[in-house]
Amino acid sequence: MPRFAANLTMMFNEVPFLDRFEAAAKAGFTSVEFLFPYDHPAEEIGRRLRDNDLTQALFNLPPGNWEAGEKVLRRCPNVLTISRRACTRRCPMPRRPASSACI
């Protein structure tokens, strides 16, 4: 049976971002994903995940300067440093990366 994660960037836009965790849980989802959570404290995102018994399936690393057209980090000369910093400081759950793709 396929399992789907609710994309909180695209779904439940009728409510503010942090309220979408509850909306996803009420709709029957057990996991969520989202693009860039960096406008919200990691501790608050972690609390919303725990309070709604949700698993975080994924989120994107910072894209660089989005407004300046930097859509991906691979163009940055220090991409590895930026990626490591994002994973170790900003991941709300778990504290350590779940896979080697994020180290």
PDB file of N, CA and C in Angstrom:
ATOM      1  N   MET A   1       0.846  -1.177   0.000  1.00  0.00           N
ATOM      2  CA  MET A   1       0.000   0.000   0.000  1.00  0.00           C
ATOM      3  C   MET A   1       0.894   1.244   0.000  1.00  0.00           C
ATOM      4  N   PRO A   2       0.696   2.149  -0.947  1.00  0.00           N
ATOM      5  CA  PRO A   2       1.502   3.379  -0.965  1.00  0.00           C
ATOM      6  C   PRO A   2       1.229   4.254   0.265  1.00  0.00           C
ATOM      7  N   ARG A   3       2.276   4.912   0.704  1.00  0.00           N
ATOM      8  CA  ARG A   3       2.140   5.897   1.793  1.00  0.00           C
ATOM      9  C   ARG A   3       2.539   7.247   1.239  1.00  0.00           C
ATOM     10  N   PHE A   4       1.723   8.245   1.514  1.00  0.00           N
ATOM     11  CA  PHE A   4       1.972   9.579   1.002  1.00  0.00           C
ATOM     12  C   PHE A   4       2.220  10.543   2.146  1.00  0.00           C
ATOM     13  N   ALA A   5       3.096  11.515   1.904  1.00  0.00           N
ATOM     14  CA  ALA A   5       3.332  12.589   2.863  1.00  0.00           C
ATOM     15  C   ALA A   5       2.612  13.835   2.350  1.00  0.00           C
ATOM     16  N   ALA A   6       1.986  14.556   3.247  1.00  0.00           N
ATOM     17  CA  ALA A   6       1.345  15.814   2.877  1.00  0.00           C
ATOM     18  C   ALA A   6       2.421  16.867   2.656  1.00  0.00           C
ATOM     19  N   ASN A   7       2.392  17.524   1.518  1.00  0.00           N
ATOM     20  CA  ASN A   7       3.338  18.608   1.243  1.00  0.00           C
ATOM     21  C   ASN A   7       2.725  19.884   1.805  1.00  0.00           C
ATOM     22  N   LEU A   8       3.231  20.334   2.941  1.00  0.00           N
ATOM     23  CA  LEU A   8       2.651  21.480   3.635  1.00  0.00           C
ATOM     24  C   LEU A   8       2.927  22.798   2.936  1.00  0.00           C
ATOM     25  N   THR A   9       3.832  22.820   1.984  1.00  0.00           N
ATOM     26  CA  THR A   9       4.044  24.022   1.190  1.00  0.00           C
ATOM     27  C   THR A   9       2.914  24.194   0.184  1.00  0.00           C
ATOM     28  N   MET A  10       2.414  23.078  -0.321  1.00  0.00           N
ATOM     29  CA  MET A  10       1.400  23.116  -1.376  1.00  0.00           C
ATOM     30  C   MET A  10      -0.022  22.874  -0.862  1.00  0.00           C
ATOM     31  N   MET A  11      -0.149  22.175   0.244  1.00  0.00           N
ATOM     32  CA  MET A  11      -1.480  21.788   0.732  1.00  0.00           C
ATOM     33  C   MET A  11      -1.870  22.598   1.965  1.00  0.00           C
ATOM     34  N   PHE A  12      -3.161  22.668   2.212  1.00  0.00           N
ATOM     35  CA  PHE A  12      -3.729  23.311   3.405  1.00  0.00           C
ATOM     36  C   PHE A  12      -3.362  24.796   3.478  1.00  0.00           C
ATOM     37  N   ASN A  13      -3.309  25.453   2.324  1.00  0.00           N
ATOM     38  CA  ASN A  13      -2.936  26.866   2.271  1.00  0.00           C
ATOM     39  C   ASN A  13      -3.981  27.799   2.866  1.00  0.00           C
ATOM     40  N   GLU A  14      -5.125  27.260   3.231  1.00  0.00           N
ATOM     41  CA  GLU A  14      -6.154  28.094   3.856  1.00  0.00           C
ATOM     42  C   GLU A  14      -5.816  28.437   5.303  1.00  0.00           C
ATOM     43  N   VAL A  15      -4.791  27.788   5.851  1.00  0.00           N
ATOM     44  CA  VAL A  15      -4.354  28.084   7.220  1.00  0.00           C
ATOM     45  C   VAL A  15      -2.863  28.426   7.210  1.00  0.00           C
ATOM     46  N   PRO A  16      -2.383  29.154   8.221  1.00  0.00           N
ATOM     47  CA  PRO A  16      -0.953  29.484   8.299  1.00  0.00           C
ATOM     48  C   PRO A  16      -0.087  28.215   8.351  1.00  0.00           C
ATOM     49  N   PHE A  17       1.161  28.358   7.952  1.00  0.00           N
ATOM     50  CA  PHE A  17       2.056  27.205   7.840  1.00  0.00           C
ATOM     51  C   PHE A  17       2.062  26.318   9.087  1.00  0.00           C
ATOM     52  N   LEU A  18       2.256  26.889  10.256  1.00  0.00           N
ATOM     53  CA  LEU A  18       2.378  26.062  11.458  1.00  0.00           C
ATOM     54  C   LEU A  18       1.077  25.337  11.811  1.00  0.00           C
ATOM     55  N   ASP A  19      -0.046  25.821  11.336  1.00  0.00           N
ATOM     56  CA  ASP A  19      -1.317  25.147  11.584  1.00  0.00           C
ATOM     57  C   ASP A  19      -1.577  24.021  10.591  1.00  0.00           C
ATOM     58  N   ARG A  20      -0.776  23.934   9.564  1.00  0.00           N
ATOM     59  CA  ARG A  20      -0.955  22.893   8.545  1.00  0.00           C
ATOM     60  C   ARG A  20      -0.595  21.507   9.065  1.00  0.00           C
ATOM     61  N   PHE A  21       0.237  21.429  10.096  1.00  0.00           N
ATOM     62  CA  PHE A  21       0.576  20.130  10.677  1.00  0.00           C
ATOM     63  C   PHE A  21      -0.681  19.470  11.231  1.00  0.00           C
ATOM     64  N   GLU A  22      -1.454  20.223  11.979  1.00  0.00           N
ATOM     65  CA  GLU A  22      -2.703  19.700  12.528  1.00  0.00           C
ATOM     66  C   GLU A  22      -3.692  19.357  11.415  1.00  0.00           C
ATOM     67  N   ALA A  23      -3.771  20.212  10.392  1.00  0.00           N
ATOM     68  CA  ALA A  23      -4.677  19.960   9.275  1.00  0.00           C
ATOM     69  C   ALA A  23      -4.310  18.654   8.565  1.00  0.00           C
ATOM     70  N   ALA A  24      -3.017  18.421   8.386  1.00  0.00           N
ATOM     71  CA  ALA A  24      -2.569  17.187   7.725  1.00  0.00           C
ATOM     72  C   ALA A  24      -2.926  15.969   8.564  1.00  0.00           C
ATOM     73  N   ALA A  25      -2.703  16.056   9.860  1.00  0.00           N
ATOM     74  CA  ALA A  25      -3.033  14.935  10.743  1.00  0.00           C
ATOM     75  C   ALA A  25      -4.540  14.654  10.725  1.00  0.00           C
ATOM     76  N   LYS A  26      -5.341  15.702  10.769  1.00  0.00           N
ATOM     77  CA  LYS A  26      -6.801  15.526  10.743  1.00  0.00           C
ATOM     78  C   LYS A  26      -7.274  14.934   9.415  1.00  0.00           C
ATOM     79  N   ALA A  27      -6.526  15.182   8.336  1.00  0.00           N
ATOM     80  CA  ALA A  27      -6.875  14.628   7.033  1.00  0.00           C
ATOM     81  C   ALA A  27      -6.403  13.179   6.876  1.00  0.00           C
ATOM     82  N   GLY A  28      -5.702  12.659   7.889  1.00  0.00           N
ATOM     83  CA  GLY A  28      -5.289  11.264   7.863  1.00  0.00           C
ATOM     84  C   GLY A  28      -3.845  11.004   7.475  1.00  0.00           C
ATOM     85  N   PHE A  29      -3.081  12.050   7.257  1.00  0.00           N
ATOM     86  CA  PHE A  29      -1.667  11.861   6.917  1.00  0.00           C
ATOM     87  C   PHE A  29      -0.873  11.521   8.176  1.00  0.00           C
ATOM     88  N   THR A  30       0.151  10.700   8.004  1.00  0.00           N
ATOM     89  CA  THR A  30       1.033  10.361   9.121  1.00  0.00           C
ATOM     90  C   THR A  30       2.431  10.948   8.940  1.00  0.00           C
ATOM     91  N   SER A  31       2.687  11.524   7.760  1.00  0.00           N
ATOM     92  CA  SER A  31       3.974  12.177   7.523  1.00  0.00           C
ATOM     93  C   SER A  31       3.754  13.428   6.674  1.00  0.00           C
ATOM     94  N   VAL A  32       4.712  14.349   6.804  1.00  0.00           N
ATOM     95  CA  VAL A  32       4.637  15.618   6.077  1.00  0.00           C
ATOM     96  C   VAL A  32       5.991  15.958   5.481  1.00  0.00           C
ATOM     97  N   GLU A  33       5.954  16.818   4.493  1.00  0.00           N
ATOM     98  CA  GLU A  33       7.159  17.373   3.895  1.00  0.00           C
ATOM     99  C   GLU A  33       6.873  18.833   3.587  1.00  0.00           C
ATOM    100  N   PHE A  34       7.919  19.620   3.401  1.00  0.00           N
ATOM    101  CA  PHE A  34       7.760  21.041   3.085  1.00  0.00           C
ATOM    102  C   PHE A  34       9.063  21.549   2.502  1.00  0.00           C
ATOM    103  N   LEU A  35       8.985  22.683   1.807  1.00  0.00           N
ATOM    104  CA  LEU A  35      10.176  23.209   1.141  1.00  0.00           C
ATOM    105  C   LEU A  35      11.157  23.851   2.100  1.00  0.00           C
ATOM    106  N   PHE A  36      10.901  25.078   2.498  1.00  0.00           N
ATOM    107  CA  PHE A  36      11.872  25.831   3.270  1.00  0.00           C
ATOM    108  C   PHE A  36      11.251  26.291   4.588  1.00  0.00           C
ATOM    109  N   PRO A  37      11.540  25.623   5.680  1.00  0.00           N
ATOM    110  CA  PRO A  37      10.924  25.957   6.967  1.00  0.00           C
ATOM    111  C   PRO A  37      11.671  27.032   7.753  1.00  0.00           C
ATOM    112  N   TYR A  38      12.619  27.695   7.140  1.00  0.00           N
ATOM    113  CA  TYR A  38      13.573  28.522   7.877  1.00  0.00           C
ATOM    114  C   TYR A  38      13.000  29.805   8.472  1.00  0.00           C
ATOM    115  N   ASP A  39      11.751  30.149   8.138  1.00  0.00           N
ATOM    116  CA  ASP A  39      11.115  31.319   8.753  1.00  0.00           C
ATOM    117  C   ASP A  39      10.520  30.991  10.116  1.00  0.00           C
ATOM    118  N   HIS A  40      10.569  29.713  10.506  1.00  0.00           N
ATOM    119  CA  HIS A  40       9.958  29.266  11.757  1.00  0.00           C
ATOM    120  C   HIS A  40      11.004  28.579  12.629  1.00  0.00           C
ATOM    121  N   PRO A  41      10.927  28.763  13.944  1.00  0.00           N
ATOM    122  CA  PRO A  41      11.898  28.104  14.835  1.00  0.00           C
ATOM    123  C   PRO A  41      11.816  26.575  14.714  1.00  0.00           C
ATOM    124  N   ALA A  42      12.977  25.949  14.630  1.00  0.00           N
ATOM    125  CA  ALA A  42      13.023  24.491  14.516  1.00  0.00           C
ATOM    126  C   ALA A  42      12.306  23.818  15.679  1.00  0.00           C
ATOM    127  N   GLU A  43      12.415  24.395  16.877  1.00  0.00           N
ATOM    128  CA  GLU A  43      11.756  23.812  18.054  1.00  0.00           C
ATOM    129  C   GLU A  43      10.241  23.820  17.899  1.00  0.00           C
ATOM    130  N   GLU A  44       9.703  24.859  17.275  1.00  0.00           N
ATOM    131  CA  GLU A  44       8.259  24.940  17.075  1.00  0.00           C
ATOM    132  C   GLU A  44       7.787  23.928  16.041  1.00  0.00           C
ATOM    133  N   ILE A  45       8.557  23.746  14.985  1.00  0.00           N
ATOM    134  CA  ILE A  45       8.211  22.725  13.991  1.00  0.00           C
ATOM    135  C   ILE A  45       8.260  21.343  14.630  1.00  0.00           C
ATOM    136  N   GLY A  46       9.289  21.086  15.427  1.00  0.00           N
ATOM    137  CA  GLY A  46       9.389  19.810  16.127  1.00  0.00           C
ATOM    138  C   GLY A  46       8.213  19.579  17.055  1.00  0.00           C
ATOM    139  N   ARG A  47       7.775  20.626  17.745  1.00  0.00           N
ATOM    140  CA  ARG A  47       6.622  20.509  18.647  1.00  0.00           C
ATOM    141  C   ARG A  47       5.357  20.172  17.860  1.00  0.00           C
ATOM    142  N   ARG A  48       5.169  20.826  16.717  1.00  0.00           N
ATOM    143  CA  ARG A  48       3.983  20.549  15.888  1.00  0.00           C
ATOM    144  C   ARG A  48       4.005  19.113  15.378  1.00  0.00           C
ATOM    145  N   LEU A  49       5.179  18.616  15.012  1.00  0.00           N
ATOM    146  CA  LEU A  49       5.291  17.221  14.578  1.00  0.00           C
ATOM    147  C   LEU A  49       4.909  16.270  15.709  1.00  0.00           C
ATOM    148  N   ARG A  50       5.468  16.501  16.889  1.00  0.00           N
ATOM    149  CA  ARG A  50       5.174  15.635  18.039  1.00  0.00           C
ATOM    150  C   ARG A  50       3.710  15.723  18.460  1.00  0.00           C
ATOM    151  N   ASP A  51       3.190  16.938  18.566  1.00  0.00           N
ATOM    152  CA  ASP A  51       1.812  17.126  19.019  1.00  0.00           C
ATOM    153  C   ASP A  51       0.799  16.455  18.103  1.00  0.00           C
ATOM    154  N   ASN A  52       1.139  16.323  16.827  1.00  0.00           N
ATOM    155  CA  ASN A  52       0.219  15.733  15.855  1.00  0.00           C
ATOM    156  C   ASN A  52       0.632  14.336  15.425  1.00  0.00           C
ATOM    157  N   ASP A  53       1.617  13.760  16.133  1.00  0.00           N
ATOM    158  CA  ASP A  53       2.087  12.399  15.860  1.00  0.00           C
ATOM    159  C   ASP A  53       2.445  12.213  14.383  1.00  0.00           C
ATOM    160  N   LEU A  54       3.210  13.170  13.848  1.00  0.00           N
ATOM    161  CA  LEU A  54       3.608  13.141  12.450  1.00  0.00           C
ATOM    162  C   LEU A  54       5.097  12.850  12.312  1.00  0.00           C
ATOM    163  N   THR A  55       5.451  12.261  11.196  1.00  0.00           N
ATOM    164  CA  THR A  55       6.838  12.044  10.830  1.00  0.00           C
ATOM    165  C   THR A  55       7.207  13.054   9.759  1.00  0.00           C
ATOM    166  N   GLN A  56       8.366  13.631   9.897  1.00  0.00           N
ATOM    167  CA  GLN A  56       8.858  14.555   8.872  1.00  0.00           C
ATOM    168  C   GLN A  56       9.548  13.734   7.799  1.00  0.00           C
ATOM    169  N   ALA A  57       8.988  13.719   6.606  1.00  0.00           N
ATOM    170  CA  ALA A  57       9.552  12.923   5.519  1.00  0.00           C
ATOM    171  C   ALA A  57      10.761  13.607   4.901  1.00  0.00           C
ATOM    172  N   LEU A  58      10.684  14.924   4.698  1.00  0.00           N
ATOM    173  CA  LEU A  58      11.810  15.658   4.136  1.00  0.00           C
ATOM    174  C   LEU A  58      11.542  17.145   4.208  1.00  0.00           C
ATOM    175  N   PHE A  59      12.606  17.911   4.067  1.00  0.00           N
ATOM    176  CA  PHE A  59      12.516  19.335   3.785  1.00  0.00           C
ATOM    177  C   PHE A  59      13.769  19.717   3.017  1.00  0.00           C
ATOM    178  N   ASN A  60      13.700  20.810   2.294  1.00  0.00           N
ATOM    179  CA  ASN A  60      14.808  21.216   1.441  1.00  0.00           C
ATOM    180  C   ASN A  60      15.839  22.025   2.217  1.00  0.00           C
ATOM    181  N   LEU A  61      17.091  21.865   1.835  1.00  0.00           N
ATOM    182  CA  LEU A  61      18.152  22.704   2.375  1.00  0.00           C
ATOM    183  C   LEU A  61      17.975  24.114   1.836  1.00  0.00           C
ATOM    184  N   PRO A  62      18.574  25.106   2.467  1.00  0.00           N
ATOM    185  CA  PRO A  62      18.419  26.479   1.979  1.00  0.00           C
ATOM    186  C   PRO A  62      18.849  26.589   0.519  1.00  0.00           C
ATOM    187  N   PRO A  63      18.069  27.313  -0.305  1.00  0.00           N
ATOM    188  CA  PRO A  63      18.381  27.385  -1.731  1.00  0.00           C
ATOM    189  C   PRO A  63      19.426  28.432  -2.080  1.00  0.00           C
ATOM    190  N   GLY A  64      19.898  29.173  -1.137  1.00  0.00           N
ATOM    191  CA  GLY A  64      20.765  30.307  -1.443  1.00  0.00           C
ATOM    192  C   GLY A  64      19.908  31.565  -1.432  1.00  0.00           C
ATOM    193  N   ASN A  65      20.291  32.556  -2.188  1.00  0.00           N
ATOM    194  CA  ASN A  65      19.529  33.805  -2.254  1.00  0.00           C
ATOM    195  C   ASN A  65      18.455  33.674  -3.327  1.00  0.00           C
ATOM    196  N   TRP A  66      17.271  33.241  -2.915  1.00  0.00           N
ATOM    197  CA  TRP A  66      16.155  32.961  -3.823  1.00  0.00           C
ATOM    198  C   TRP A  66      15.813  34.196  -4.663  1.00  0.00           C
ATOM    199  N   GLU A  67      15.766  35.371  -4.026  1.00  0.00           N
ATOM    200  CA  GLU A  67      15.395  36.605  -4.718  1.00  0.00           C
ATOM    201  C   GLU A  67      16.408  36.975  -5.806  1.00  0.00           C
ATOM    202  N   ALA A  68      17.660  36.580  -5.630  1.00  0.00           N
ATOM    203  CA  ALA A  68      18.703  36.876  -6.616  1.00  0.00           C
ATOM    204  C   ALA A  68      18.788  35.804  -7.697  1.00  0.00           C
ATOM    205  N   GLY A  69      17.889  34.832  -7.663  1.00  0.00           N
ATOM    206  CA  GLY A  69      17.867  33.802  -8.690  1.00  0.00           C
ATOM    207  C   GLY A  69      18.660  32.560  -8.357  1.00  0.00           C
ATOM    208  N   GLU A  70      19.226  32.477  -7.157  1.00  0.00           N
ATOM    209  CA  GLU A  70      19.963  31.275  -6.753  1.00  0.00           C
ATOM    210  C   GLU A  70      18.954  30.228  -6.313  1.00  0.00           C
ATOM    211  N   LYS A  71      18.681  29.289  -7.183  1.00  0.00           N
ATOM    212  CA  LYS A  71      17.665  28.274  -6.895  1.00  0.00           C
ATOM    213  C   LYS A  71      18.265  26.996  -6.315  1.00  0.00           C
ATOM    214  N   VAL A  72      19.554  26.823  -6.442  1.00  0.00           N
ATOM    215  CA  VAL A  72      20.205  25.621  -5.924  1.00  0.00           C
ATOM    216  C   VAL A  72      21.540  25.988  -5.297  1.00  0.00           C
ATOM    217  N   LEU A  73      21.952  25.212  -4.324  1.00  0.00           N
ATOM    218  CA  LEU A  73      23.222  25.471  -3.653  1.00  0.00           C
ATOM    219  C   LEU A  73      24.429  24.978  -4.437  1.00  0.00           C
ATOM    220  N   ARG A  74      24.247  24.099  -5.373  1.00  0.00           N
ATOM    221  CA  ARG A  74      25.414  23.511  -6.044  1.00  0.00           C
ATOM    222  C   ARG A  74      26.270  24.551  -6.753  1.00  0.00           C
ATOM    223  N   ARG A  75      25.729  25.721  -7.011  1.00  0.00           N
ATOM    224  CA  ARG A  75      26.492  26.782  -7.644  1.00  0.00           C
ATOM    225  C   ARG A  75      27.371  27.529  -6.648  1.00  0.00           C
ATOM    226  N   CYS A  76      27.139  27.316  -5.370  1.00  0.00           N
ATOM    227  CA  CYS A  76      27.906  28.006  -4.347  1.00  0.00           C
ATOM    228  C   CYS A  76      29.220  27.269  -4.121  1.00  0.00           C
ATOM    229  N   PRO A  77      30.338  27.977  -4.037  1.00  0.00           N
ATOM    230  CA  PRO A  77      31.625  27.304  -3.832  1.00  0.00           C
ATOM    231  C   PRO A  77      31.719  26.594  -2.488  1.00  0.00           C
ATOM    232  N   ASN A  78      30.972  27.027  -1.489  1.00  0.00           N
ATOM    233  CA  ASN A  78      31.046  26.394  -0.171  1.00  0.00           C
ATOM    234  C   ASN A  78      29.768  25.613   0.141  1.00  0.00           C
ATOM    235  N   VAL A  79      29.228  24.914  -0.863  1.00  0.00           N
ATOM    236  CA  VAL A  79      27.962  24.198  -0.697  1.00  0.00           C
ATOM    237  C   VAL A  79      28.024  23.153   0.421  1.00  0.00           C
ATOM    238  N   LEU A  80      29.129  22.445   0.556  1.00  0.00           N
ATOM    239  CA  LEU A  80      29.223  21.416   1.583  1.00  0.00           C
ATOM    240  C   LEU A  80      29.145  22.037   2.976  1.00  0.00           C
ATOM    241  N   THR A  81      29.820  23.138   3.190  1.00  0.00           N
ATOM    242  CA  THR A  81      29.763  23.830   4.481  1.00  0.00           C
ATOM    243  C   THR A  81      28.345  24.302   4.778  1.00  0.00           C
ATOM    244  N   ILE A  82      27.694  24.892   3.790  1.00  0.00           N
ATOM    245  CA  ILE A  82      26.327  25.379   3.975  1.00  0.00           C
ATOM    246  C   ILE A  82      25.386  24.217   4.274  1.00  0.00           C
ATOM    247  N   SER A  83      25.520  23.115   3.549  1.00  0.00           N
ATOM    248  CA  SER A  83      24.656  21.948   3.758  1.00  0.00           C
ATOM    249  C   SER A  83      24.838  21.365   5.153  1.00  0.00           C
ATOM    250  N   ARG A  84      26.079  21.210   5.577  1.00  0.00           N
ATOM    251  CA  ARG A  84      26.334  20.669   6.920  1.00  0.00           C
ATOM    252  C   ARG A  84      25.760  21.583   7.991  1.00  0.00           C
ATOM    253  N   ARG A  85      25.950  22.882   7.841  1.00  0.00           N
ATOM    254  CA  ARG A  85      25.439  23.841   8.815  1.00  0.00           C
ATOM    255  C   ARG A  85      23.910  23.764   8.876  1.00  0.00           C
ATOM    256  N   ALA A  86      23.255  23.680   7.729  1.00  0.00           N
ATOM    257  CA  ALA A  86      21.796  23.605   7.693  1.00  0.00           C
ATOM    258  C   ALA A  86      21.306  22.326   8.370  1.00  0.00           C
ATOM    259  N   CYS A  87      21.972  21.212   8.130  1.00  0.00           N
ATOM    260  CA  CYS A  87      21.534  19.948   8.719  1.00  0.00           C
ATOM    261  C   CYS A  87      21.749  19.908  10.225  1.00  0.00           C
ATOM    262  N   THR A  88      22.847  20.441  10.684  1.00  0.00           N
ATOM    263  CA  THR A  88      23.142  20.323  12.108  1.00  0.00           C
ATOM    264  C   THR A  88      22.443  21.373  12.944  1.00  0.00           C
ATOM    265  N   ARG A  89      22.109  22.512  12.377  1.00  0.00           N
ATOM    266  CA  ARG A  89      21.500  23.581  13.163  1.00  0.00           C
ATOM    267  C   ARG A  89      20.005  23.704  12.987  1.00  0.00           C
ATOM    268  N   ARG A  90      19.472  23.306  11.841  1.00  0.00           N
ATOM    269  CA  ARG A  90      18.095  23.638  11.527  1.00  0.00           C
ATOM    270  C   ARG A  90      17.138  22.456  11.490  1.00  0.00           C
ATOM    271  N   CYS A  91      17.629  21.232  11.484  1.00  0.00           N
ATOM    272  CA  CYS A  91      16.725  20.091  11.427  1.00  0.00           C
ATOM    273  C   CYS A  91      15.937  19.990  12.725  1.00  0.00           C
ATOM    274  N   PRO A  92      14.611  20.154  12.672  1.00  0.00           N
ATOM    275  CA  PRO A  92      13.837  20.057  13.903  1.00  0.00           C
ATOM    276  C   PRO A  92      13.791  18.644  14.460  1.00  0.00           C
ATOM    277  N   MET A  93      13.740  17.617  13.608  1.00  0.00           N
ATOM    278  CA  MET A  93      13.697  16.237  14.051  1.00  0.00           C
ATOM    279  C   MET A  93      14.256  15.381  12.934  1.00  0.00           C
ATOM    280  N   PRO A  94      15.064  14.430  13.128  1.00  0.00           N
ATOM    281  CA  PRO A  94      15.838  14.206  14.333  1.00  0.00           C
ATOM    282  C   PRO A  94      17.000  15.184  14.411  1.00  0.00           C
ATOM    283  N   ARG A  95      17.714  15.176  15.516  1.00  0.00           N
ATOM    284  CA  ARG A  95      18.842  16.070  15.706  1.00  0.00           C
ATOM    285  C   ARG A  95      19.945  15.748  14.701  1.00  0.00           C
ATOM    286  N   ARG A  96      20.195  14.477  14.478  1.00  0.00           N
ATOM    287  CA  ARG A  96      21.206  14.055  13.516  1.00  0.00           C
ATOM    288  C   ARG A  96      20.520  13.675  12.212  1.00  0.00           C
ATOM    289  N   PRO A  97      21.169  13.881  11.066  1.00  0.00           N
ATOM    290  CA  PRO A  97      20.563  13.502   9.790  1.00  0.00           C
ATOM    291  C   PRO A  97      20.199  12.021   9.764  1.00  0.00           C
ATOM    292  N   ALA A  98      19.090  11.701   9.125  1.00  0.00           N
ATOM    293  CA  ALA A  98      18.620  10.326   9.061  1.00  0.00           C
ATOM    294  C   ALA A  98      19.357   9.524   8.000  1.00  0.00           C
ATOM    295  N   SER A  99      19.999  10.199   7.059  1.00  0.00           N
ATOM    296  CA  SER A  99      20.704   9.462   6.010  1.00  0.00           C
ATOM    297  C   SER A  99      22.050  10.131   5.744  1.00  0.00           C
ATOM    298  N   SER A 100      22.888   9.394   5.049  1.00  0.00           N
ATOM    299  CA  SER A 100      24.206   9.928   4.716  1.00  0.00           C
ATOM    300  C   SER A 100      24.119  11.018   3.661  1.00  0.00           C
ATOM    301  N   ALA A 101      22.962  11.214   3.055  1.00  0.00           N
ATOM    302  CA  ALA A 101      22.818  12.266   2.044  1.00  0.00           C
ATOM    303  C   ALA A 101      22.875  13.640   2.689  1.00  0.00           C
ATOM    304  N   CYS A 102      22.756  13.694   3.993  1.00  0.00           N
ATOM    305  CA  CYS A 102      22.684  14.983   4.689  1.00  0.00           C
ATOM    306  C   CYS A 102      23.826  15.145   5.691  1.00  0.00           C
ATOM    307  N   ILE A 103      25.031  14.709   5.334  1.00  0.00           N
ATOM    308  CA  ILE A 103      26.176  14.886   6.226  1.00  0.00           C
ATOM    309  C   ILE A 103      27.321  15.570   5.508  1.00  0.00           C
TER     310      ILE A 103
END
